[in-house]
Each structure stands twice: as C-alpha cells, then as structure tokens.
C-alpha cells in the first residue's frame, strides 16, 4: 500500500470545506486493502466533509476520464447522509458494470430521500439504453422495467421521481413501456405529461410524431418545448415545417429548442431556414442557427470537419 495514499486516507477528516483538495486524486483506483482502509476512516469524517469529498471526486472525474473513484462512490451508496448518497450515484452515472443495477434499484425502491430516488432513476436510464441495444442480458432488462415502471405507477412517489423513472425506461421498445408513456401523456399532471412527451422522443417510435406535432401548438410553453425537442429524437422531416413555425415562438426557450431540433432533423427546408437565421438581428438565434447548421452538415458529411484545416 502506497504511503501517500495512506496519508490521504488518514487525512480525509481534515481540510477546508470550501476549497478543492488536490490530494483526493490519490484515491483513484484503490486496491482492495486501500478500500478497506478508506471505509474504516470514513466513519470518522463529518457529514459536511463527506459531502465536499464526494462533490470534488465527481468534479475530478469530469475533468479527467482516466481517474476512477467507483469503489468510493459504491461505498457512498450506503452513507447515512442523503446528499452524499445522491452525489455518489452521480459519480457512477457512466459506470456500465451490471453489478451496479441491483444497488441502484435498491436506492430507487427503498431510499427515503426523493433526491436519491431521482438520482437512482437517472442512473438506471443508462442501463435501459444498454438493454435496448442488447448490450446486457435480458434478465437485467426485466429488473429494470419492473423497478422503473413500478415507480412510474406509484402515486405515493414524488412527481419528479415518477417523471424521471418514465424518461429513464423510455428507450426500451417494449409494449409495457409504450403503454406507460401513453398513460402518462393523458395525465392531468402537467409535469407527468411533459415527461411523457420527452419520453416519446427517447422511445424513437415514429408513431408518436402526430402527438408531438399537435403539442407544438400547445398553449403551454413547456409542452411546446418538450414536443420540439422530442421530435428531433424521431428524426422525421415531417416535423420540419412545424419546427420552423416555432422559431417565431414568443418563448425564447421554445424558439431555441426548435432551432436545435432542425439541426438534428436535417433536410433542405431545415437547412434553408437555418441559413436565413444567420442574418437575424437576434444574436442568440444567430448562434443557435450556426451551431445547428454545424450539426446538420456534420451528419450530411461526417468526414467534412475532420479534413478541414484549422
């Protein structure tokens, strides 16, 4: 065991709560013996310091993909503090190890904190996507569907958690998932309905398109925004004239979302309108159109930007 790792672990309880601790980088890729030592030391670290450590470990992994704190994040799933548990799950969002599915389902189903439930539902969405592409075994798919739809259908759960569970399960092209999206769409709760529209885009079933086109005319700006964004997930050019219309939407977020969607849907009509926007007096629309055109042209010729000189 490295002496500098031992010193780092021994000093976990020390440190300024407001400034990054560069020594935490030493905790990457711990050996089993080092993991055990960390777990023994963790009990002596006060809650504010534990929160700070988890936050900084997540930030470090975002800045350097070679760092791996998964063993610490996994241990953090059982922390007594909900904020630490939620942050630990965030740190594991890119982990594709199927052994993580059961602990995340446990946090989703049994944790008393809605914040942790929300984080767990989000992380399980990554595994649902893997399941849709047959990258994990079917038994894991069954576990995911049962857990996520169980939360969606549970009226005692917070609406935000139910909505996130629906979005996470939506990539799966299964009849039960489609039924849940349909049912949620007809909900009287606006947040659930918006989540269902978002889920339609992730479900990638083009039969949702008529609903999305209809909802682009909704009186509610959030619904219009979700419908525009979801249409880009389907990639159907039938949505283009409706997205073009939304560029003039009085709500700025809706207009920008429509522009981004045009860049993903593509086609001659979308390209023409985006080029016109380059001369728009509104700078934010200009920039959005420029970014959308780059995405559209990259899809048309994926090698174009690789061969251009800087």
Protein backbone atom coordinates (compact mmCIF):
# COMPACT_ATOMS: atom_id res chain seq x y z
CA UNK A 1 0.00 0.00 0.00
CA UNK A 2 1.40 3.39 -1.02
CA UNK A 3 2.35 5.71 1.84
CA UNK A 4 0.90 8.79 0.14
CA UNK A 5 -2.44 7.01 -0.30
CA UNK A 6 -2.38 6.04 3.37
CA UNK A 7 -1.72 9.66 4.33
CA UNK A 8 -4.52 10.88 2.06
CA UNK A 9 -7.00 8.43 3.59
CA UNK A 10 -5.84 9.21 7.11
CA UNK A 11 -6.35 12.92 6.46
CA UNK A 12 -9.84 12.67 4.97
CA UNK A 13 -11.41 14.26 8.03
CA UNK A 14 -9.19 17.32 7.62
CA UNK A 15 -9.49 20.01 5.01
CA UNK A 16 -11.19 23.23 4.07
CA UNK A 17 -14.85 22.74 3.14
CA UNK A 18 -14.75 25.49 0.54
CA UNK A 19 -11.56 24.75 -1.44
CA UNK A 20 -10.64 21.80 -3.68
CA UNK A 21 -8.32 19.23 -2.11
CA UNK A 22 -5.71 18.19 -4.74
CA UNK A 23 -4.70 15.18 -2.62
CA UNK A 24 -8.01 13.47 -3.40
CA UNK A 25 -6.62 12.46 -6.78
CA UNK A 26 -4.60 9.84 -4.88
CA UNK A 27 -7.83 7.95 -4.20
CA UNK A 28 -8.18 6.85 -7.82
CA UNK A 29 -8.09 3.08 -8.50
CA UNK A 30 -7.75 1.97 -4.89
CA UNK A 31 -6.66 -1.59 -4.16
CA UNK A 32 -8.93 -3.81 -2.01
CA UNK A 33 -6.71 -3.15 1.03
CA UNK A 34 -6.88 0.61 0.41
CA UNK A 35 -10.64 0.43 0.00
CA UNK A 36 -10.93 -1.27 3.37
CA UNK A 37 -8.76 1.39 5.00
CA UNK A 38 -10.89 4.15 3.46
CA UNK A 39 -14.09 2.54 4.76
CA UNK A 40 -12.62 2.39 8.25
CA UNK A 41 -11.61 6.06 8.07
CA UNK A 42 -14.90 7.23 6.52
CA UNK A 43 -16.83 6.80 9.76
CA UNK A 44 -14.68 9.47 11.37
CA UNK A 45 -15.36 12.08 8.68
CA UNK A 46 -18.13 14.56 9.48
CA UNK A 47 -21.03 14.96 7.09
CA UNK A 48 -20.02 18.32 5.58
CA UNK A 49 -16.57 16.99 4.77
CA UNK A 50 -18.07 13.80 3.26
CA UNK A 51 -20.27 15.91 1.03
CA UNK A 52 -17.29 18.00 -0.01
CA UNK A 53 -15.23 14.92 -0.81
CA UNK A 54 -17.97 13.38 -2.96
CA UNK A 55 -18.52 16.64 -4.82
CA UNK A 56 -14.84 17.03 -5.54
CA UNK A 57 -14.39 13.41 -6.65
CA UNK A 58 -17.23 13.87 -9.16
CA UNK A 59 -15.61 17.07 -10.45
CA UNK A 60 -12.23 15.34 -10.77
CA UNK A 61 -13.71 12.55 -12.90
CA UNK A 62 -15.39 15.11 -15.14
CA UNK A 63 -12.03 16.80 -15.71
CA UNK A 64 -10.00 13.59 -16.16
CA UNK A 65 -11.63 10.45 -17.56
CA UNK A 66 -8.64 8.34 -16.52
CA UNK A 67 -9.46 8.78 -12.84
CA UNK A 68 -11.61 6.08 -11.28
CA UNK A 69 -13.30 6.54 -7.92
CA UNK A 70 -16.02 3.94 -8.49
CA UNK A 71 -15.17 1.97 -5.36
CA UNK A 72 -15.63 5.09 -3.24
CA UNK A 73 -18.86 6.01 -4.99
CA UNK A 74 -20.18 2.48 -4.47
CA UNK A 75 -19.38 2.72 -0.78
CA UNK A 76 -21.10 6.10 -0.69
CA UNK A 77 -24.38 4.48 -1.75
CA UNK A 78 -24.79 3.31 1.83
CA UNK A 79 -23.87 6.59 3.50
CA UNK A 80 -26.18 7.86 6.24
CA UNK A 81 -26.47 11.25 4.51
CA UNK A 82 -28.84 11.55 1.54
CA UNK A 83 -26.79 14.25 -0.18
CA UNK A 84 -23.71 12.01 -0.08
CA UNK A 85 -25.72 9.07 -1.46
CA UNK A 86 -27.12 11.17 -4.30
CA UNK A 87 -23.70 12.53 -5.21
CA UNK A 88 -22.23 9.02 -5.10
CA UNK A 89 -24.82 7.91 -7.65
CA UNK A 90 -23.93 10.89 -9.83
CA UNK A 91 -20.33 9.73 -9.75
CA UNK A 92 -21.42 6.32 -11.04
CA UNK A 93 -23.59 7.57 -13.90
CA UNK A 94 -21.07 6.47 -16.56
CA UNK A 95 -20.38 3.08 -14.98
CA UNK A 96 -21.68 0.23 -17.18
CA UNK A 97 -20.98 -2.58 -14.73
CA UNK A 98 -24.23 -4.57 -14.45
CA UNK A 99 -23.41 -5.41 -10.83
CA UNK A 100 -24.46 -1.81 -10.11
CA UNK A 101 -28.05 -2.38 -11.28
CA UNK A 102 -29.29 -4.08 -8.09
CA UNK A 103 -27.82 -1.47 -5.68
CA UNK A 104 -29.33 1.32 -7.79
CA UNK A 105 -32.71 -0.38 -7.83
CA UNK A 106 -32.47 -0.72 -4.06
CA UNK A 107 -31.84 3.04 -3.76
CA UNK A 108 -34.74 3.73 -6.13
CA UNK A 109 -37.20 1.48 -4.33
CA UNK A 110 -36.16 1.78 -0.70
CA UNK A 111 -34.33 5.06 -0.13
CA UNK A 112 -36.29 7.54 1.95
CA UNK A 113 -34.87 10.54 0.08
CA UNK A 114 -36.61 11.66 -3.15
CA UNK A 115 -33.30 13.24 -4.18
CA UNK A 116 -31.59 9.84 -4.02
CA UNK A 117 -34.52 8.13 -5.75
CA UNK A 118 -34.30 10.70 -8.55
CA UNK A 119 -30.55 10.15 -8.95
CA UNK A 120 -31.01 6.37 -8.99
CA UNK A 121 -33.74 6.57 -11.63
CA UNK A 122 -31.46 8.73 -13.76
CA UNK A 123 -28.52 6.32 -13.48
CA UNK A 124 -30.72 3.32 -14.29
CA UNK A 125 -31.64 5.05 -17.54
CA UNK A 126 -28.11 4.40 -18.80
CA UNK A 127 -28.63 0.68 -18.30
CA UNK A 128 -32.03 0.83 -20.02
CA UNK A 129 -30.27 2.26 -23.06
CA UNK A 130 -27.71 -0.57 -22.95
CA UNK A 131 -30.58 -3.05 -22.69
CA UNK A 132 -32.30 -1.62 -25.76
CA UNK A 133 -29.14 -2.26 -27.77
CA UNK A 134 -28.82 -5.78 -26.34
CA UNK A 135 -25.58 -4.96 -24.55
CA UNK A 136 -26.72 -6.54 -21.30
CA UNK A 137 -28.56 -9.77 -20.58
CA UNK A 138 -32.34 -9.94 -20.79
CA UNK A 139 -32.71 -10.72 -17.09
CA UNK A 140 -31.32 -7.29 -16.30
CA UNK A 141 -33.83 -5.76 -18.70
CA UNK A 142 -36.64 -7.39 -16.76
CA UNK A 143 -35.29 -6.00 -13.49
CA UNK A 144 -35.02 -2.50 -14.95
CA UNK A 145 -38.51 -2.49 -16.41
CA UNK A 146 -40.09 -3.85 -13.25
CA UNK A 147 -38.33 -1.34 -11.00
CA UNK A 148 -38.74 1.77 -13.16
CA UNK A 149 -42.35 1.14 -14.19
CA UNK A 150 -43.15 0.25 -10.59
CA UNK A 151 -42.13 3.77 -9.60
CA UNK A 152 -43.93 5.36 -12.56
CA UNK A 153 -47.17 3.70 -11.47
CA UNK A 154 -46.77 4.52 -7.77
CA UNK A 155 -48.90 7.58 -6.90
CA UNK A 156 -47.23 7.86 -3.48
CA UNK A 157 -43.92 8.83 -5.09
CA UNK A 158 -42.94 12.41 -5.76
CA UNK A 159 -43.96 13.51 -9.24
CA UNK A 160 -40.38 14.40 -10.21
CA UNK A 161 -39.19 10.88 -9.35
CA UNK A 162 -42.03 9.25 -11.30
CA UNK A 163 -41.33 11.52 -14.27
CA UNK A 164 -37.62 10.71 -14.26
CA UNK A 165 -38.32 6.97 -13.98
CA UNK A 166 -40.55 7.21 -17.05
CA UNK A 167 -37.88 9.05 -19.03
CA UNK A 168 -35.26 6.50 -17.98
CA UNK A 169 -37.27 3.46 -19.07
CA UNK A 170 -38.47 5.09 -22.32
CA UNK A 171 -35.62 3.90 -24.63
CA UNK A 172 -36.90 0.33 -24.27
CA UNK A 173 -39.13 -0.68 -27.19
CA UNK A 174 -41.47 -2.84 -25.14
CA UNK A 175 -45.29 -2.80 -25.09
CA UNK A 176 -45.42 -2.11 -21.35
CA UNK A 177 -43.15 0.91 -21.77
CA UNK A 178 -45.26 2.27 -24.59
CA UNK A 179 -48.42 1.81 -22.54
CA UNK A 180 -46.89 3.73 -19.63
CA UNK A 181 -45.88 6.62 -21.90
CA UNK A 182 -49.39 6.71 -23.37
CA UNK A 183 -51.00 6.66 -19.94
CA UNK A 184 -48.69 9.39 -18.62
CA UNK A 185 -49.43 11.56 -21.65
CA UNK A 186 -53.09 11.63 -20.68
CA UNK A 187 -52.29 12.58 -17.08
CA UNK A 188 -53.85 15.67 -15.54
CA UNK A 189 -50.46 16.49 -14.04
CA UNK A 190 -48.56 18.81 -16.38
CA UNK A 191 -45.12 17.61 -15.23
CA UNK A 192 -46.03 13.98 -15.91
CA UNK A 193 -47.47 14.90 -19.31
CA UNK A 194 -44.32 16.84 -20.23
CA UNK A 195 -42.22 13.88 -19.16
CA UNK A 196 -44.30 11.57 -21.38
CA UNK A 197 -43.69 13.84 -24.36
CA UNK A 198 -39.97 13.82 -23.58
CA UNK A 199 -40.13 10.02 -23.35
CA UNK A 200 -41.74 9.80 -26.81
CA UNK A 201 -38.59 11.29 -28.33
CA UNK A 202 -36.38 8.83 -26.49
CA UNK A 203 -38.64 5.91 -27.38
CA UNK A 204 -37.77 6.52 -31.05
CA UNK A 205 -41.12 5.20 -32.27
CA UNK A 206 -42.27 7.33 -35.21
CA UNK A 207 -45.91 6.61 -34.39
CA UNK A 208 -45.58 9.28 -31.66
CA UNK A 209 -45.00 12.00 -34.27
CA UNK A 210 -48.65 13.10 -34.74
CA UNK A 211 -48.91 13.73 -31.00
CA UNK A 212 -45.67 15.72 -30.96
CA UNK A 213 -46.77 17.84 -33.92
CA UNK A 214 -50.09 18.53 -32.23
CA UNK A 215 -48.39 19.51 -28.97
CA UNK A 216 -46.17 22.02 -30.77
CA UNK A 217 -49.34 24.13 -30.82
CA UNK A 218 -49.99 23.71 -27.10
CA UNK A 219 -50.89 26.78 -25.08
CA UNK A 220 -48.18 25.78 -22.60
CA UNK A 221 -44.61 26.80 -23.47
CA UNK A 222 -43.02 23.89 -21.59
CA UNK A 223 -45.12 21.41 -23.56
CA UNK A 224 -44.22 23.11 -26.87
CA UNK A 225 -40.57 22.96 -25.89
CA UNK A 226 -40.70 19.27 -24.99
CA UNK A 227 -42.56 18.44 -28.20
CA UNK A 228 -39.99 20.24 -30.34
CA UNK A 229 -37.11 18.53 -28.58
CA UNK A 230 -38.78 15.10 -28.75
CA UNK A 231 -39.41 15.45 -32.49
CA UNK A 232 -35.66 15.70 -33.05
CA UNK A 233 -35.28 12.30 -31.43
CA UNK A 234 -37.54 10.78 -34.07
CA UNK A 235 -35.66 12.44 -36.92
CA UNK A 236 -38.72 12.69 -39.17
CA UNK A 237 -38.70 15.53 -41.71
CA UNK A 238 -42.49 15.73 -41.47
CA UNK A 239 -41.85 17.74 -38.30
CA UNK A 240 -39.75 20.37 -40.12
CA UNK A 241 -42.46 22.91 -41.08
CA UNK A 242 -43.84 22.78 -37.55
CA UNK A 243 -40.38 23.37 -36.08
CA UNK A 244 -39.81 26.25 -38.49
CA UNK A 245 -43.02 27.83 -37.23
CA UNK A 246 -41.77 27.57 -33.63
CA UNK A 247 -38.72 29.71 -34.43
CA UNK A 248 -41.08 32.70 -34.09
CA UNK A 249 -42.46 31.44 -30.78
CA UNK A 250 -42.80 34.21 -28.16
CA UNK A 251 -40.99 31.99 -25.66
CA UNK A 252 -37.22 32.19 -26.26
CA UNK A 253 -36.55 28.69 -24.95
CA UNK A 254 -39.08 27.19 -27.35
CA UNK A 255 -37.54 29.06 -30.29
CA UNK A 256 -34.01 27.92 -29.43
CA UNK A 257 -35.15 24.33 -28.94
CA UNK A 258 -36.84 24.38 -32.35
CA UNK A 259 -33.63 25.62 -33.97
CA UNK A 260 -31.60 22.88 -32.28
CA UNK A 261 -34.17 20.30 -33.39
CA UNK A 262 -33.91 21.45 -37.02
CA UNK A 263 -30.19 20.76 -36.89
CA UNK A 264 -30.90 17.18 -35.83
CA UNK A 265 -33.85 16.51 -38.17
CA UNK A 266 -31.99 17.94 -41.16
CA UNK A 267 -33.17 18.23 -44.74
CA UNK A 268 -33.20 21.00 -47.34
CA UNK A 269 -36.02 23.01 -45.77
CA UNK A 270 -34.35 22.98 -42.35
CA UNK A 271 -31.00 23.96 -43.85
CA UNK A 272 -32.56 26.84 -45.79
CA UNK A 273 -34.29 28.30 -42.73
CA UNK A 274 -31.20 27.92 -40.55
CA UNK A 275 -29.08 29.78 -43.09
CA UNK A 276 -31.64 32.60 -43.15
CA UNK A 277 -31.31 32.89 -39.38
CA UNK A 278 -27.60 33.69 -39.73
CA UNK A 279 -28.69 37.21 -40.66
CA UNK A 280 -31.25 37.51 -37.86
CA UNK A 281 -30.81 40.62 -35.69
CA UNK A 282 -31.15 38.47 -32.55
CA UNK A 283 -27.63 37.27 -31.70
CA UNK A 284 -28.76 34.24 -29.69
CA UNK A 285 -30.81 32.98 -32.65
CA UNK A 286 -27.84 33.54 -34.96
CA UNK A 287 -25.55 31.48 -32.74
CA UNK A 288 -28.13 28.72 -32.28
CA UNK A 289 -28.60 28.53 -36.05
CA UNK A 290 -24.85 28.41 -36.59
CA UNK A 291 -24.49 25.53 -34.14
CA UNK A 292 -27.45 23.69 -35.67
CA UNK A 293 -26.01 24.07 -39.17
CA UNK A 294 -22.73 22.59 -38.00
CA UNK A 295 -24.56 19.57 -36.63
CA UNK A 296 -26.68 19.21 -39.74
CA UNK A 297 -23.69 19.45 -42.08
CA UNK A 298 -21.67 17.05 -39.94
CA UNK A 299 -24.46 14.50 -40.29
CA UNK A 300 -24.55 15.07 -44.05
CA UNK A 301 -20.79 14.59 -44.36
CA UNK A 302 -19.27 13.11 -41.14
CA UNK A 303 -15.74 13.41 -42.58
CA UNK A 304 -16.01 17.07 -43.55
CA UNK A 305 -14.87 18.57 -40.26
CA UNK A 306 -12.05 16.06 -39.88
CA UNK A 307 -10.40 17.13 -43.12
CA UNK A 308 -10.79 20.89 -42.77
CA UNK A 309 -7.67 22.84 -41.88
CA UNK A 310 -7.78 24.71 -38.55
